[in-house]
Amino acid sequence: MVLRYTVKSGETLASIALDFRTTTDALKAANPSLQAREPEQNEVIIIPGLPDPNTIPYRIFVSISTKRLVLFSGSQLIRSYPIATGKILNMTPTGSYYIVNRQPNPGGPFGAYWLSLSKIHYGIHGTNNPSSIGKAVSRGCIRMYNQNVIELASLVPNGTPVTISQ
């Protein structure tokens, strides 16, 4: 089973490839109808390399207003974590995304772990500034205490849905 993605308004093959950290060639190979055209809004395409989210028991919900990341397995609450979100000039984007890849020890301000979201330049990551948790201070990413992001990364696979709301 693979991830089936519904194309949003304004998205192109190149922008989808960037968001999902793949190539346009890989998208064309997985979707032969896209060999000579751009995908259309609301068209469902296959994203190679990611599992069908319906096969993943986990769901992540992020509340910007309460500065919490909540992990569910089915309808059962597993954990609720405090987070930092984007500041006024760099708001955390709302919407539905997926975890598309990961990197332990990414270095710099990203703390102990980086989980990329299916929106280029955004992710869930640790921090080298733990006093920032609970505040709107990031450039749009979701910051967590290092021990919490390590725990989260050990539980959720790539392909896990992430919903971010105000």
C-alpha atoms as a PDB file:
ATOM      1  CA  MET A   1       0.000   0.000   0.000  1.00  0.00           C
ATOM      2  CA  VAL A   2       1.200   3.498  -0.819  1.00  0.00           C
ATOM      3  CA  LEU A   3       0.263   7.020   0.122  1.00  0.00           C
ATOM      4  CA  ARG A   4      -2.402   8.486  -2.123  1.00  0.00           C
ATOM      5  CA  TYR A   5      -2.317  12.274  -2.127  1.00  0.00           C
ATOM      6  CA  THR A   6      -5.019  14.705  -3.268  1.00  0.00           C
ATOM      7  CA  VAL A   7      -3.500  17.583  -5.223  1.00  0.00           C
ATOM      8  CA  LYS A   8      -4.276  21.033  -3.817  1.00  0.00           C
ATOM      9  CA  SER A   9      -4.914  24.237  -5.767  1.00  0.00           C
ATOM     10  CA  GLY A  10      -1.740  25.717  -7.230  1.00  0.00           C
ATOM     11  CA  GLU A  11       0.435  22.655  -6.675  1.00  0.00           C
ATOM     12  CA  THR A  12       2.707  21.447  -9.452  1.00  0.00           C
ATOM     13  CA  LEU A  13       4.642  18.249  -9.942  1.00  0.00           C
ATOM     14  CA  ALA A  14       7.795  20.116  -8.890  1.00  0.00           C
ATOM     15  CA  SER A  15       6.213  21.579  -5.737  1.00  0.00           C
ATOM     16  CA  ILE A  16       4.773  18.208  -4.706  1.00  0.00           C
ATOM     17  CA  ALA A  17       8.166  16.562  -5.280  1.00  0.00           C
ATOM     18  CA  LEU A  18       9.815  19.200  -3.047  1.00  0.00           C
ATOM     19  CA  ASP A  19       7.212  18.848  -0.307  1.00  0.00           C
ATOM     20  CA  PHE A  20       7.533  15.069  -0.230  1.00  0.00           C
ATOM     21  CA  ARG A  21      11.353  15.105  -0.663  1.00  0.00           C
ATOM     22  CA  THR A  22      11.231  13.047  -3.839  1.00  0.00           C
ATOM     23  CA  THR A  23      11.848  13.769  -7.526  1.00  0.00           C
ATOM     24  CA  THR A  24       9.514  14.636 -10.370  1.00  0.00           C
ATOM     25  CA  ASP A  25      10.849  11.548 -12.171  1.00  0.00           C
ATOM     26  CA  ALA A  26       9.847   9.334  -9.232  1.00  0.00           C
ATOM     27  CA  LEU A  27       6.371  10.904  -9.212  1.00  0.00           C
ATOM     28  CA  LYS A  28       6.019  10.372 -12.973  1.00  0.00           C
ATOM     29  CA  ALA A  29       7.156   6.746 -12.626  1.00  0.00           C
ATOM     30  CA  ALA A  30       4.530   6.134  -9.922  1.00  0.00           C
ATOM     31  CA  ASN A  31       1.865   8.054 -11.885  1.00  0.00           C
ATOM     32  CA  PRO A  32       2.272   7.284 -15.623  1.00  0.00           C
ATOM     33  CA  SER A  33      -0.590   9.650 -16.531  1.00  0.00           C
ATOM     34  CA  LEU A  34       1.631  12.562 -15.414  1.00  0.00           C
ATOM     35  CA  GLN A  35       4.366  11.913 -18.001  1.00  0.00           C
ATOM     36  CA  ALA A  36       3.391  14.897 -20.151  1.00  0.00           C
ATOM     37  CA  ARG A  37       1.166  17.034 -17.932  1.00  0.00           C
ATOM     38  CA  GLU A  38       0.797  18.667 -14.551  1.00  0.00           C
ATOM     39  CA  PRO A  39      -1.556  17.158 -11.975  1.00  0.00           C
ATOM     40  CA  GLU A  40      -4.958  18.782 -11.621  1.00  0.00           C
ATOM     41  CA  GLN A  41      -6.539  20.100  -8.450  1.00  0.00           C
ATOM     42  CA  ASN A  42      -8.281  17.277  -6.532  1.00  0.00           C
ATOM     43  CA  GLU A  43      -6.534  14.620  -8.620  1.00  0.00           C
ATOM     44  CA  VAL A  44      -5.329  11.716  -6.491  1.00  0.00           C
ATOM     45  CA  ILE A  45      -1.735  10.715  -7.126  1.00  0.00           C
ATOM     46  CA  ILE A  46       0.620   8.152  -5.638  1.00  0.00           C
ATOM     47  CA  ILE A  47       3.552   9.343  -3.544  1.00  0.00           C
ATOM     48  CA  PRO A  48       6.255   6.664  -3.878  1.00  0.00           C
ATOM     49  CA  GLY A  49       8.199   5.551  -0.840  1.00  0.00           C
ATOM     50  CA  LEU A  50       5.554   6.342   1.774  1.00  0.00           C
ATOM     51  CA  PRO A  51       3.040   3.874   3.216  1.00  0.00           C
ATOM     52  CA  ASP A  52      -0.729   4.205   3.081  1.00  0.00           C
ATOM     53  CA  PRO A  53      -1.586   6.273   6.181  1.00  0.00           C
ATOM     54  CA  ASN A  54      -4.538   3.938   6.802  1.00  0.00           C
ATOM     55  CA  THR A  55      -2.005   1.225   7.677  1.00  0.00           C
ATOM     56  CA  ILE A  56      -0.471   3.465  10.381  1.00  0.00           C
ATOM     57  CA  PRO A  57      -2.272   3.474  13.738  1.00  0.00           C
ATOM     58  CA  TYR A  58      -0.877   6.865  14.778  1.00  0.00           C
ATOM     59  CA  ARG A  59      -2.183  10.383  14.170  1.00  0.00           C
ATOM     60  CA  ILE A  60      -0.581  13.622  15.336  1.00  0.00           C
ATOM     61  CA  PHE A  61      -2.592  16.741  16.114  1.00  0.00           C
ATOM     62  CA  VAL A  62      -0.873  20.069  16.747  1.00  0.00           C
ATOM     63  CA  SER A  63      -2.676  22.989  18.360  1.00  0.00           C
ATOM     64  CA  ILE A  64      -0.926  26.294  17.735  1.00  0.00           C
ATOM     65  CA  SER A  65      -3.093  28.139  20.277  1.00  0.00           C
ATOM     66  CA  THR A  66      -2.497  25.712  23.153  1.00  0.00           C
ATOM     67  CA  LYS A  67       1.111  24.928  22.130  1.00  0.00           C
ATOM     68  CA  ARG A  68       0.492  21.167  22.363  1.00  0.00           C
ATOM     69  CA  LEU A  69       1.278  18.203  20.130  1.00  0.00           C
ATOM     70  CA  VAL A  70      -1.040  15.271  20.821  1.00  0.00           C
ATOM     71  CA  LEU A  71      -0.377  11.712  19.671  1.00  0.00           C
ATOM     72  CA  PHE A  72      -3.244   9.271  19.186  1.00  0.00           C
ATOM     73  CA  SER A  73      -3.296   5.594  18.320  1.00  0.00           C
ATOM     74  CA  GLY A  74      -6.737   5.085  16.841  1.00  0.00           C
ATOM     75  CA  SER A  75      -8.991   6.979  19.247  1.00  0.00           C
ATOM     76  CA  GLN A  76      -6.707   6.424  22.252  1.00  0.00           C
ATOM     77  CA  LEU A  77      -4.644   9.340  23.526  1.00  0.00           C
ATOM     78  CA  ILE A  78      -1.034   8.174  23.807  1.00  0.00           C
ATOM     79  CA  ARG A  79       0.814  11.363  24.780  1.00  0.00           C
ATOM     80  CA  SER A  80       0.450  15.134  24.902  1.00  0.00           C
ATOM     81  CA  TYR A  81       3.609  17.198  24.588  1.00  0.00           C
ATOM     82  CA  PRO A  82       4.312  20.909  25.115  1.00  0.00           C
ATOM     83  CA  ILE A  83       5.724  22.601  21.999  1.00  0.00           C
ATOM     84  CA  ALA A  84       6.928  25.902  20.598  1.00  0.00           C
ATOM     85  CA  THR A  85       5.399  27.225  17.375  1.00  0.00           C
ATOM     86  CA  GLY A  86       6.062  29.915  14.801  1.00  0.00           C
ATOM     87  CA  LYS A  87       6.266  33.575  15.661  1.00  0.00           C
ATOM     88  CA  ILE A  88       4.000  36.212  14.097  1.00  0.00           C
ATOM     89  CA  LEU A  89       6.246  36.748  11.059  1.00  0.00           C
ATOM     90  CA  ASN A  90       6.760  32.999  10.544  1.00  0.00           C
ATOM     91  CA  MET A  91       3.491  31.355  11.534  1.00  0.00           C
ATOM     92  CA  THR A  92       3.296  27.582  11.748  1.00  0.00           C
ATOM     93  CA  PRO A  93       1.260  26.522   8.696  1.00  0.00           C
ATOM     94  CA  THR A  94      -2.146  25.014   9.391  1.00  0.00           C
ATOM     95  CA  GLY A  95      -3.379  22.051   7.388  1.00  0.00           C
ATOM     96  CA  SER A  96      -2.908  18.341   6.874  1.00  0.00           C
ATOM     97  CA  TYR A  97       0.564  16.948   6.303  1.00  0.00           C
ATOM     98  CA  TYR A  98       2.581  13.745   6.614  1.00  0.00           C
ATOM     99  CA  ILE A  99       5.927  12.887   8.136  1.00  0.00           C
ATOM    100  CA  VAL A 100       8.031  12.229   5.053  1.00  0.00           C
ATOM    101  CA  ASN A 101      11.519  11.589   6.431  1.00  0.00           C
ATOM    102  CA  ARG A 102      13.639  11.934   9.539  1.00  0.00           C
ATOM    103  CA  GLN A 103      17.142  12.653  10.746  1.00  0.00           C
ATOM    104  CA  PRO A 104      18.649  11.977  14.166  1.00  0.00           C
ATOM    105  CA  ASN A 105      21.057  14.630  15.453  1.00  0.00           C
ATOM    106  CA  PRO A 106      20.545  17.167  12.640  1.00  0.00           C
ATOM    107  CA  GLY A 107      22.705  19.691  14.475  1.00  0.00           C
ATOM    108  CA  GLY A 108      22.323  23.378  15.183  1.00  0.00           C
ATOM    109  CA  PRO A 109      19.032  24.637  16.563  1.00  0.00           C
ATOM    110  CA  PHE A 110      17.163  21.463  15.558  1.00  0.00           C
ATOM    111  CA  GLY A 111      18.084  19.508  18.664  1.00  0.00           C
ATOM    112  CA  ALA A 112      18.205  15.751  18.885  1.00  0.00           C
ATOM    113  CA  TYR A 113      15.852  14.817  16.043  1.00  0.00           C
ATOM    114  CA  TRP A 114      14.199  16.205  12.897  1.00  0.00           C
ATOM    115  CA  LEU A 115      10.930  14.878  11.433  1.00  0.00           C
ATOM    116  CA  SER A 116      10.230  16.486   8.034  1.00  0.00           C
ATOM    117  CA  LEU A 117       6.666  17.425   7.187  1.00  0.00           C
ATOM    118  CA  SER A 118       5.205  17.276   3.678  1.00  0.00           C
ATOM    119  CA  LYS A 119       5.657  21.038   3.382  1.00  0.00           C
ATOM    120  CA  ILE A 120       9.167  22.020   2.420  1.00  0.00           C
ATOM    121  CA  HIS A 121      11.177  23.780   5.170  1.00  0.00           C
ATOM    122  CA  TYR A 122       8.823  22.645   7.963  1.00  0.00           C
ATOM    123  CA  GLY A 123       9.210  19.910  10.511  1.00  0.00           C
ATOM    124  CA  ILE A 124       8.850  18.693  14.061  1.00  0.00           C
ATOM    125  CA  HIS A 125      12.190  18.864  15.830  1.00  0.00           C
ATOM    126  CA  GLY A 126      14.054  19.123  19.090  1.00  0.00           C
ATOM    127  CA  THR A 127      15.712  22.291  20.279  1.00  0.00           C
ATOM    128  CA  ASN A 128      18.987  23.579  21.636  1.00  0.00           C
ATOM    129  CA  ASN A 129      16.924  26.200  23.529  1.00  0.00           C
ATOM    130  CA  PRO A 130      14.555  24.343  25.894  1.00  0.00           C
ATOM    131  CA  SER A 131      13.326  27.625  27.435  1.00  0.00           C
ATOM    132  CA  SER A 132      11.555  28.334  24.114  1.00  0.00           C
ATOM    133  CA  ILE A 133       9.001  25.534  24.616  1.00  0.00           C
ATOM    134  CA  GLY A 134       5.527  26.951  25.241  1.00  0.00           C
ATOM    135  CA  LYS A 135       6.202  30.082  23.210  1.00  0.00           C
ATOM    136  CA  ALA A 136       5.656  31.347  19.653  1.00  0.00           C
ATOM    137  CA  VAL A 137       9.311  31.767  18.701  1.00  0.00           C
ATOM    138  CA  SER A 138      10.219  29.437  15.824  1.00  0.00           C
ATOM    139  CA  ARG A 139      10.362  30.114  12.095  1.00  0.00           C
ATOM    140  CA  GLY A 140       7.220  28.034  11.670  1.00  0.00           C
ATOM    141  CA  CYS A 141       8.455  24.623  12.766  1.00  0.00           C
ATOM    142  CA  ILE A 142       7.172  22.717  15.756  1.00  0.00           C
ATOM    143  CA  ARG A 143       9.812  22.542  18.489  1.00  0.00           C
ATOM    144  CA  MET A 144       9.810  19.922  21.216  1.00  0.00           C
ATOM    145  CA  TYR A 145      12.005  19.069  24.160  1.00  0.00           C
ATOM    146  CA  ASN A 146      14.735  16.752  22.866  1.00  0.00           C
ATOM    147  CA  GLN A 147      13.645  13.764  24.980  1.00  0.00           C
ATOM    148  CA  ASN A 148      10.063  14.200  23.722  1.00  0.00           C
ATOM    149  CA  VAL A 149      10.961  14.365  20.014  1.00  0.00           C
ATOM    150  CA  ILE A 150      13.167  11.282  20.423  1.00  0.00           C
ATOM    151  CA  GLU A 151      10.240   9.449  22.021  1.00  0.00           C
ATOM    152  CA  LEU A 152       7.845  10.615  19.300  1.00  0.00           C
ATOM    153  CA  ALA A 153      10.265   9.601  16.535  1.00  0.00           C
ATOM    154  CA  SER A 154      10.612   6.138  18.086  1.00  0.00           C
ATOM    155  CA  LEU A 155       6.840   5.646  17.906  1.00  0.00           C
ATOM    156  CA  VAL A 156       5.665   7.124  14.615  1.00  0.00           C
ATOM    157  CA  PRO A 157       6.794   5.951  11.179  1.00  0.00           C
ATOM    158  CA  ASN A 158       7.170   7.993   8.025  1.00  0.00           C
ATOM    159  CA  GLY A 159       3.740   8.480   6.484  1.00  0.00           C
ATOM    160  CA  THR A 160       2.116   9.384   9.823  1.00  0.00           C
ATOM    161  CA  PRO A 161      -0.569  12.061   9.283  1.00  0.00           C
ATOM    162  CA  VAL A 162      -0.047  15.397  11.053  1.00  0.00           C
ATOM    163  CA  THR A 163      -2.903  17.902  11.382  1.00  0.00           C
ATOM    164  CA  ILE A 164      -2.001  21.433  12.458  1.00  0.00           C
ATOM    165  CA  SER A 165      -4.755  23.787  13.586  1.00  0.00           C
ATOM    166  CA  GLN A 166      -5.009  27.130  15.308  1.00  0.00           C
END
